[in-house]
Amino acid sequence: FLGRSDPPRISCTAPTLGSMAMNR
């Protein structure tokens, strides 16, 4: 998220099937 210049840069990563399996 780059968006407007005033908020900080924020990133998010959606969990993959592999990471979901490792969570289990």
PDB file of all heavy atoms in Angstrom:
ATOM      1  N   PHE A   1       0.844  -1.180   0.000  1.00  0.00           N
ATOM      2  CA  PHE A   1       0.000   0.000   0.000  1.00  0.00           C
ATOM      3  C   PHE A   1       0.886   1.239   0.000  1.00  0.00           C
ATOM      4  O   PHE A   1       1.535   1.531   0.980  1.00  0.00           O
ATOM      5  CB  PHE A   1      -0.916   0.000   1.235  1.00  0.00           C
ATOM      6  CG  PHE A   1      -1.598  -1.317   1.420  1.00  0.00           C
ATOM      7  CD1 PHE A   1      -1.205  -2.153   2.432  1.00  0.00           C
ATOM      8  CD2 PHE A   1      -2.569  -1.727   0.546  1.00  0.00           C
ATOM      9  CE1 PHE A   1      -1.813  -3.384   2.595  1.00  0.00           C
ATOM     10  CE2 PHE A   1      -3.175  -2.944   0.707  1.00  0.00           C
ATOM     11  CZ  PHE A   1      -2.796  -3.774   1.733  1.00  0.00           C
ATOM     12  N   LEU A   2       0.892   1.927  -1.105  1.00  0.00           N
ATOM     13  CA  LEU A   2       1.639   3.169  -1.187  1.00  0.00           C
ATOM     14  C   LEU A   2       0.701   4.348  -0.893  1.00  0.00           C
ATOM     15  O   LEU A   2       1.018   5.223  -0.120  1.00  0.00           O
ATOM     16  CB  LEU A   2       2.280   3.295  -2.561  1.00  0.00           C
ATOM     17  CG  LEU A   2       3.269   2.164  -2.880  1.00  0.00           C
ATOM     18  CD1 LEU A   2       3.800   2.344  -4.288  1.00  0.00           C
ATOM     19  CD2 LEU A   2       4.401   2.134  -1.894  1.00  0.00           C
ATOM     20  N   GLY A   3      -0.489   4.330  -1.525  1.00  0.00           N
ATOM     21  CA  GLY A   3      -1.537   5.292  -1.188  1.00  0.00           C
ATOM     22  C   GLY A   3      -1.051   6.716  -1.125  1.00  0.00           C
ATOM     23  O   GLY A   3      -0.209   7.154  -1.898  1.00  0.00           O
ATOM     24  N   ARG A   4      -1.593   7.443  -0.155  1.00  0.00           N
ATOM     25  CA  ARG A   4      -1.205   8.833   0.008  1.00  0.00           C
ATOM     26  C   ARG A   4       0.162   8.920   0.653  1.00  0.00           C
ATOM     27  O   ARG A   4       0.660   7.970   1.240  1.00  0.00           O
ATOM     28  CB  ARG A   4      -2.258   9.550   0.863  1.00  0.00           C
ATOM     29  CG  ARG A   4      -3.614   9.616   0.176  1.00  0.00           C
ATOM     30  CD  ARG A   4      -4.638  10.269   1.055  1.00  0.00           C
ATOM     31  NE  ARG A   4      -4.851   9.510   2.290  1.00  0.00           N
ATOM     32  CZ  ARG A   4      -5.788   9.822   3.182  1.00  0.00           C
ATOM     33  NH1 ARG A   4      -6.571  10.867   2.972  1.00  0.00           N
ATOM     34  NH2 ARG A   4      -5.930   9.107   4.262  1.00  0.00           N
ATOM     35  N   SER A   5       0.746  10.097   0.612  1.00  0.00           N
ATOM     36  CA  SER A   5       2.114  10.239   1.085  1.00  0.00           C
ATOM     37  C   SER A   5       2.216  10.314   2.599  1.00  0.00           C
ATOM     38  O   SER A   5       3.264  10.047   3.166  1.00  0.00           O
ATOM     39  CB  SER A   5       2.733  11.512   0.484  1.00  0.00           C
ATOM     40  OG  SER A   5       1.967  12.651   0.868  1.00  0.00           O
ATOM     41  N   ASP A   6       1.098  10.667   3.290  1.00  0.00           N
ATOM     42  CA  ASP A   6       1.214  10.847   4.737  1.00  0.00           C
ATOM     43  C   ASP A   6       1.240   9.556   5.530  1.00  0.00           C
ATOM     44  O   ASP A   6       1.991   9.446   6.496  1.00  0.00           O
ATOM     45  CB  ASP A   6       0.099  11.773   5.251  1.00  0.00           C
ATOM     46  CG  ASP A   6      -1.277  11.386   4.753  1.00  0.00           C
ATOM     47  OD1 ASP A   6      -1.345  10.718   3.698  1.00  0.00           O
ATOM     48  OD2 ASP A   6      -2.251  11.748   5.405  1.00  0.00           O
ATOM     49  N   PRO A   7       0.424   8.496   5.206  1.00  0.00           N
ATOM     50  CA  PRO A   7       0.524   7.274   6.014  1.00  0.00           C
ATOM     51  C   PRO A   7       1.805   6.509   5.688  1.00  0.00           C
ATOM     52  O   PRO A   7       2.361   6.642   4.596  1.00  0.00           O
ATOM     53  CB  PRO A   7      -0.721   6.473   5.604  1.00  0.00           C
ATOM     54  CG  PRO A   7      -1.587   7.424   4.849  1.00  0.00           C
ATOM     55  CD  PRO A   7      -0.652   8.391   4.225  1.00  0.00           C
ATOM     56  N   PRO A   8       2.288   5.700   6.613  1.00  0.00           N
ATOM     57  CA  PRO A   8       3.494   4.901   6.342  1.00  0.00           C
ATOM     58  C   PRO A   8       3.187   3.804   5.354  1.00  0.00           C
ATOM     59  O   PRO A   8       2.047   3.411   5.172  1.00  0.00           O
ATOM     60  CB  PRO A   8       3.848   4.327   7.722  1.00  0.00           C
ATOM     61  CG  PRO A   8       2.537   4.256   8.434  1.00  0.00           C
ATOM     62  CD  PRO A   8       1.764   5.459   7.967  1.00  0.00           C
ATOM     63  N   ARG A   9       4.235   3.306   4.723  1.00  0.00           N
ATOM     64  CA  ARG A   9       4.099   2.173   3.808  1.00  0.00           C
ATOM     65  C   ARG A   9       3.758   0.926   4.618  1.00  0.00           C
ATOM     66  O   ARG A   9       4.430   0.598   5.589  1.00  0.00           O
ATOM     67  CB  ARG A   9       5.408   1.973   3.046  1.00  0.00           C
ATOM     68  CG  ARG A   9       5.387   0.760   2.116  1.00  0.00           C
ATOM     69  CD  ARG A   9       6.754   0.617   1.469  1.00  0.00           C
ATOM     70  NE  ARG A   9       6.807  -0.600   0.674  1.00  0.00           N
ATOM     71  CZ  ARG A   9       7.155  -0.619  -0.599  1.00  0.00           C
ATOM     72  NH1 ARG A   9       7.425   0.495  -1.227  1.00  0.00           N
ATOM     73  NH2 ARG A   9       7.221  -1.759  -1.254  1.00  0.00           N
ATOM     74  N   ILE A  10       2.718   0.232   4.186  1.00  0.00           N
ATOM     75  CA  ILE A  10       2.256  -0.970   4.884  1.00  0.00           C
ATOM     76  C   ILE A  10       2.166  -2.083   3.873  1.00  0.00           C
ATOM     77  O   ILE A  10       1.730  -1.868   2.744  1.00  0.00           O
ATOM     78  CB  ILE A  10       0.885  -0.732   5.550  1.00  0.00           C
ATOM     79  CG1 ILE A  10       0.984   0.426   6.556  1.00  0.00           C
ATOM     80  CG2 ILE A  10       0.377  -1.983   6.234  1.00  0.00           C
ATOM     81  CD1 ILE A  10      -0.346   0.794   7.179  1.00  0.00           C
ATOM     82  N   SER A  11       2.571  -3.263   4.256  1.00  0.00           N
ATOM     83  CA  SER A  11       2.486  -4.404   3.344  1.00  0.00           C
ATOM     84  C   SER A  11       1.827  -5.560   4.058  1.00  0.00           C
ATOM     85  O   SER A  11       1.889  -5.681   5.271  1.00  0.00           O
ATOM     86  CB  SER A  11       3.877  -4.832   2.843  1.00  0.00           C
ATOM     87  OG  SER A  11       4.635  -5.315   3.910  1.00  0.00           O
ATOM     88  N   CYS A  12       1.175  -6.411   3.283  1.00  0.00           N
ATOM     89  CA  CYS A  12       0.594  -7.622   3.853  1.00  0.00           C
ATOM     90  C   CYS A  12       0.764  -8.748   2.862  1.00  0.00           C
ATOM     91  O   CYS A  12       0.780  -8.533   1.660  1.00  0.00           O
ATOM     92  CB  CYS A  12      -0.873  -7.430   4.210  1.00  0.00           C
ATOM     93  SG  CYS A  12      -1.948  -7.225   2.781  1.00  0.00           S
ATOM     94  N   THR A  13       0.907  -9.940   3.379  1.00  0.00           N
ATOM     95  CA  THR A  13       1.094 -11.127   2.556  1.00  0.00           C
ATOM     96  C   THR A  13       0.011 -12.128   2.880  1.00  0.00           C
ATOM     97  O   THR A  13      -0.139 -12.521   4.039  1.00  0.00           O
ATOM     98  CB  THR A  13       2.476 -11.765   2.812  1.00  0.00           C
ATOM     99  OG1 THR A  13       3.478 -10.811   2.533  1.00  0.00           O
ATOM    100  CG2 THR A  13       2.668 -12.991   1.932  1.00  0.00           C
ATOM    101  N   ALA A  14      -0.754 -12.528   1.886  1.00  0.00           N
ATOM    102  CA  ALA A  14      -1.799 -13.515   2.119  1.00  0.00           C
ATOM    103  C   ALA A  14      -1.177 -14.874   2.368  1.00  0.00           C
ATOM    104  O   ALA A  14      -0.200 -15.239   1.716  1.00  0.00           O
ATOM    105  CB  ALA A  14      -2.725 -13.599   0.906  1.00  0.00           C
ATOM    106  N   PRO A  15      -1.675 -15.639   3.318  1.00  0.00           N
ATOM    107  CA  PRO A  15      -1.106 -16.965   3.592  1.00  0.00           C
ATOM    108  C   PRO A  15      -1.292 -17.893   2.411  1.00  0.00           C
ATOM    109  O   PRO A  15      -2.351 -17.945   1.803  1.00  0.00           O
ATOM    110  CB  PRO A  15      -1.900 -17.444   4.816  1.00  0.00           C
ATOM    111  CG  PRO A  15      -3.172 -16.661   4.784  1.00  0.00           C
ATOM    112  CD  PRO A  15      -2.819 -15.340   4.189  1.00  0.00           C
ATOM    113  N   THR A  16      -0.263 -18.624   2.082  1.00  0.00           N
ATOM    114  CA  THR A  16      -0.345 -19.606   1.004  1.00  0.00           C
ATOM    115  C   THR A  16      -0.817 -20.935   1.571  1.00  0.00           C
ATOM    116  O   THR A  16      -0.855 -21.145   2.785  1.00  0.00           O
ATOM    117  CB  THR A  16       1.038 -19.805   0.360  1.00  0.00           C
ATOM    118  OG1 THR A  16       1.925 -20.335   1.347  1.00  0.00           O
ATOM    119  CG2 THR A  16       1.588 -18.484  -0.162  1.00  0.00           C
ATOM    120  N   LEU A  17      -1.172 -21.872   0.676  1.00  0.00           N
ATOM    121  CA  LEU A  17      -1.587 -23.193   1.130  1.00  0.00           C
ATOM    122  C   LEU A  17      -0.463 -23.889   1.888  1.00  0.00           C
ATOM    123  O   LEU A  17      -0.701 -24.600   2.856  1.00  0.00           O
ATOM    124  CB  LEU A  17      -2.036 -24.035  -0.064  1.00  0.00           C
ATOM    125  CG  LEU A  17      -3.308 -23.553  -0.767  1.00  0.00           C
ATOM    126  CD1 LEU A  17      -3.593 -24.455  -1.966  1.00  0.00           C
ATOM    127  CD2 LEU A  17      -4.490 -23.554   0.189  1.00  0.00           C
ATOM    128  N   GLY A  18       0.797 -23.644   1.427  1.00  0.00           N
ATOM    129  CA  GLY A  18       1.924 -24.261   2.118  1.00  0.00           C
ATOM    130  C   GLY A  18       2.069 -23.757   3.540  1.00  0.00           C
ATOM    131  O   GLY A  18       2.279 -24.530   4.482  1.00  0.00           O
ATOM    132  N   SER A  19       1.940 -22.417   3.737  1.00  0.00           N
ATOM    133  CA  SER A  19       2.073 -21.877   5.079  1.00  0.00           C
ATOM    134  C   SER A  19       0.908 -22.308   5.962  1.00  0.00           C
ATOM    135  O   SER A  19       1.069 -22.528   7.160  1.00  0.00           O
ATOM    136  CB  SER A  19       2.154 -20.351   5.028  1.00  0.00           C
ATOM    137  OG  SER A  19       0.946 -19.794   4.550  1.00  0.00           O
ATOM    138  N   MET A  20      -0.303 -22.444   5.376  1.00  0.00           N
ATOM    139  CA  MET A  20      -1.446 -22.922   6.145  1.00  0.00           C
ATOM    140  C   MET A  20      -1.220 -24.351   6.627  1.00  0.00           C
ATOM    141  O   MET A  20      -1.560 -24.710   7.759  1.00  0.00           O
ATOM    142  CB  MET A  20      -2.709 -22.824   5.302  1.00  0.00           C
ATOM    143  CG  MET A  20      -3.141 -21.397   5.001  1.00  0.00           C
ATOM    144  SD  MET A  20      -4.452 -21.323   3.782  1.00  0.00           S
ATOM    145  CE  MET A  20      -5.781 -22.130   4.663  1.00  0.00           C
ATOM    146  N   ALA A  21      -0.640 -25.187   5.759  1.00  0.00           N
ATOM    147  CA  ALA A  21      -0.341 -26.561   6.158  1.00  0.00           C
ATOM    148  C   ALA A  21       0.702 -26.580   7.266  1.00  0.00           C
ATOM    149  O   ALA A  21       0.606 -27.372   8.213  1.00  0.00           O
ATOM    150  CB  ALA A  21       0.147 -27.359   4.949  1.00  0.00           C
ATOM    151  N   MET A  22       1.711 -25.704   7.166  1.00  0.00           N
ATOM    152  CA  MET A  22       2.723 -25.653   8.209  1.00  0.00           C
ATOM    153  C   MET A  22       2.122 -25.142   9.516  1.00  0.00           C
ATOM    154  O   MET A  22       2.547 -25.545  10.594  1.00  0.00           O
ATOM    155  CB  MET A  22       3.887 -24.761   7.764  1.00  0.00           C
ATOM    156  CG  MET A  22       4.689 -25.331   6.609  1.00  0.00           C
ATOM    157  SD  MET A  22       5.192 -27.048   6.879  1.00  0.00           S
ATOM    158  CE  MET A  22       6.180 -26.888   8.358  1.00  0.00           C
ATOM    159  N   ASN A  23       1.131 -24.229   9.449  1.00  0.00           N
ATOM    160  CA  ASN A  23       0.442 -23.800  10.656  1.00  0.00           C
ATOM    161  C   ASN A  23      -0.230 -24.982  11.346  1.00  0.00           C
ATOM    162  O   ASN A  23      -0.197 -25.106  12.568  1.00  0.00           O
ATOM    163  CB  ASN A  23      -0.609 -22.734  10.317  1.00  0.00           C
ATOM    164  CG  ASN A  23       0.029 -21.386  10.049  1.00  0.00           C
ATOM    165  OD1 ASN A  23       1.203 -21.186  10.318  1.00  0.00           O
ATOM    166  ND2 ASN A  23      -0.742 -20.468   9.508  1.00  0.00           N
ATOM    167  N   ARG A  24      -0.853 -25.843  10.559  1.00  0.00           N
ATOM    168  CA  ARG A  24      -1.487 -27.030  11.137  1.00  0.00           C
ATOM    169  C   ARG A  24      -0.443 -27.943  11.762  1.00  0.00           C
ATOM    170  O   ARG A  24      -0.664 -28.508  12.844  1.00  0.00           O
ATOM    171  CB  ARG A  24      -2.276 -27.784  10.062  1.00  0.00           C
ATOM    172  CG  ARG A  24      -3.550 -27.081   9.632  1.00  0.00           C
ATOM    173  CD  ARG A  24      -4.458 -28.037   8.872  1.00  0.00           C
ATOM    174  NE  ARG A  24      -3.805 -28.562   7.681  1.00  0.00           N
ATOM    175  CZ  ARG A  24      -3.852 -27.978   6.496  1.00  0.00           C
ATOM    176  NH1 ARG A  24      -4.502 -26.831   6.341  1.00  0.00           N
ATOM    177  NH2 ARG A  24      -3.253 -28.525   5.448  1.00  0.00           N
TER     178      ARG A  24
END
